[in-house]
Amino acid sequence: MESGLEEDILDYLKQTDAGATASEISRALNINRMTAVKYLEVMRATGLIDYRKVGMAKQYFATSNLSYAQAALLLQAKQLLKSIETIDDHVEVFENTLANHLEIILTYRKSDVERFYEIVKETAARLDKKVK
């Protein structure tokens, strides 16, 4: 599925006060109605949007003011948190996260790297207090 189309649908729904039907969305975005329905159902399953029945129609609306990217990251974070069941899981996630960030940080200018280094030193000092 195209994230661009999901973003367009979400942006459109945020602009409507009362929400919109799949037909209204398909006309506004110039897409096939069945394509709109497919995207709407996937977006509803992920919590980006919801609907209410109005007669025979479903009136879709955005569930928050988050952008598509923010909502997608939030969903990933929630899924990651649910996957952490033990201390070993947490350690693994922590190690992977640090490794990924370090790879990026090392591409920055020295002055920017020094800012991260200060944060790491402060964090290490706090952990030292707990360990000792």
Protein backbone atom coordinates (compact mmCIF):
# COMPACT_ATOMS: atom_id res chain seq x y z
CA MET A 1 0.00 0.00 0.00
CA GLU A 2 1.15 3.51 -0.76
CA SER A 3 1.87 5.53 2.37
CA GLY A 4 1.36 8.66 0.24
CA LEU A 5 -2.26 7.73 -0.35
CA GLU A 6 -2.76 6.94 3.33
CA GLU A 7 -1.33 10.37 4.16
CA ASP A 8 -3.67 12.01 1.64
CA ILE A 9 -6.69 10.23 3.10
CA LEU A 10 -5.69 11.14 6.65
CA ASP A 11 -5.08 14.78 5.70
CA TYR A 12 -8.46 14.92 3.95
CA LEU A 13 -10.27 13.44 6.96
CA LYS A 14 -8.58 15.92 9.31
CA GLN A 15 -9.98 18.76 7.18
CA THR A 16 -13.56 17.56 7.44
CA ASP A 17 -15.65 18.41 10.48
CA ALA A 18 -18.10 15.52 10.21
CA GLY A 19 -15.87 12.93 8.51
CA ALA A 20 -16.46 11.53 5.05
CA THR A 21 -17.75 8.43 3.33
CA ALA A 22 -15.59 6.26 1.09
CA SER A 23 -17.41 7.70 -1.93
CA GLU A 24 -16.68 11.28 -0.83
CA ILE A 25 -13.03 10.43 -0.22
CA SER A 26 -12.67 8.67 -3.58
CA ARG A 27 -14.17 11.68 -5.41
CA ALA A 28 -12.06 14.22 -3.49
CA LEU A 29 -8.81 12.31 -4.06
CA ASN A 30 -9.69 11.06 -7.54
CA ILE A 31 -9.24 7.38 -6.71
CA ASN A 32 -11.39 4.30 -7.19
CA ARG A 33 -13.99 3.83 -4.43
CA MET A 34 -12.89 0.24 -3.76
CA THR A 35 -9.28 1.41 -3.41
CA ALA A 36 -10.45 3.98 -0.89
CA VAL A 37 -12.39 1.31 1.05
CA LYS A 38 -9.33 -0.97 1.12
CA TYR A 39 -7.11 1.79 2.48
CA LEU A 40 -9.75 2.95 4.96
CA GLU A 41 -10.14 -0.52 6.43
CA VAL A 42 -6.38 -0.99 6.85
CA MET A 43 -6.07 2.48 8.40
CA ARG A 44 -8.95 1.68 10.74
CA ALA A 45 -7.29 -1.57 11.80
CA THR A 46 -4.12 0.35 12.71
CA GLY A 47 -6.06 2.96 14.68
CA LEU A 48 -5.42 5.95 12.41
CA ILE A 49 -9.10 6.40 11.67
CA ASP A 50 -12.46 5.14 12.82
CA TYR A 51 -16.01 5.30 11.52
CA ARG A 52 -19.58 5.64 12.66
CA LYS A 53 -22.60 4.27 10.86
CA VAL A 54 -24.87 6.92 9.36
CA GLY A 55 -27.80 5.08 7.83
CA MET A 56 -26.29 2.59 5.38
CA ALA A 57 -23.01 4.50 5.05
CA LYS A 58 -19.84 4.55 7.11
CA GLN A 59 -18.66 8.03 8.01
CA TYR A 60 -14.86 7.86 8.48
CA PHE A 61 -12.91 10.33 10.64
CA ALA A 62 -9.35 10.78 11.89
CA THR A 63 -8.83 9.51 15.43
CA SER A 64 -6.12 12.05 16.32
CA ASN A 65 -4.21 15.03 15.05
CA LEU A 66 -1.06 12.98 14.53
CA SER A 67 0.46 12.98 11.06
CA TYR A 68 0.65 9.67 9.22
CA ALA A 69 4.37 9.37 10.00
CA GLN A 70 3.84 10.14 13.69
CA ALA A 71 1.00 7.63 13.93
CA ALA A 72 3.07 4.97 12.14
CA LEU A 73 5.99 5.54 14.52
CA LEU A 74 3.67 5.44 17.51
CA LEU A 75 2.24 2.13 16.32
CA GLN A 76 5.74 0.71 15.86
CA ALA A 77 6.73 1.89 19.34
CA LYS A 78 3.62 0.28 20.86
CA GLN A 79 4.37 -2.99 19.07
CA LEU A 80 7.98 -2.88 20.25
CA LEU A 81 6.94 -2.25 23.85
CA LYS A 82 4.52 -5.17 23.73
CA SER A 83 7.35 -7.42 22.51
CA ILE A 84 9.52 -6.64 25.57
CA GLU A 85 8.58 -9.33 28.07
CA THR A 86 11.83 -9.98 29.94
CA ILE A 87 14.93 -8.07 31.04
CA ASP A 88 16.86 -9.87 28.28
CA ASP A 89 14.38 -8.55 25.69
CA HIS A 90 14.84 -5.04 27.09
CA VAL A 91 18.64 -5.33 27.02
CA GLU A 92 18.55 -6.53 23.40
CA VAL A 93 16.29 -3.66 22.29
CA PHE A 94 18.49 -1.19 24.19
CA GLU A 95 21.70 -2.51 22.61
CA ASN A 96 20.20 -2.43 19.10
CA THR A 97 18.84 1.07 19.60
CA LEU A 98 22.18 2.37 20.87
CA ALA A 99 24.04 0.71 17.99
CA ASN A 100 21.69 2.24 15.41
CA HIS A 101 21.91 5.70 16.95
CA LEU A 102 25.70 5.49 17.30
CA GLU A 103 26.03 4.71 13.60
CA ILE A 104 24.15 7.90 12.78
CA ILE A 105 25.78 10.05 15.48
CA LEU A 106 29.26 9.22 14.21
CA THR A 107 28.38 10.88 10.89
CA TYR A 108 27.79 14.26 12.60
CA ARG A 109 30.25 17.11 13.09
CA LYS A 110 32.54 16.86 16.12
CA SER A 111 30.65 19.60 18.01
CA ASP A 112 27.38 17.72 17.60
CA VAL A 113 28.96 14.40 18.61
CA GLU A 114 30.21 16.13 21.77
CA ARG A 115 26.61 16.98 22.72
CA PHE A 116 25.68 13.29 22.58
CA TYR A 117 28.82 12.39 24.48
CA GLU A 118 27.77 14.70 27.34
CA ILE A 119 24.37 12.97 27.52
CA VAL A 120 26.05 9.56 27.62
CA LYS A 121 28.43 10.69 30.39
CA GLU A 122 25.51 12.05 32.49
CA THR A 123 23.59 8.81 31.97
CA ALA A 124 26.62 6.71 32.92
CA ALA A 125 27.04 8.78 36.10
CA ARG A 126 23.41 8.11 37.07
CA LEU A 127 23.85 4.37 36.44
CA ASP A 128 27.07 4.38 38.49
CA LYS A 129 25.10 5.71 41.49
CA LYS A 130 22.64 2.83 41.19
CA VAL A 131 25.30 0.14 40.70
CA LYS A 132 27.59 1.26 43.52
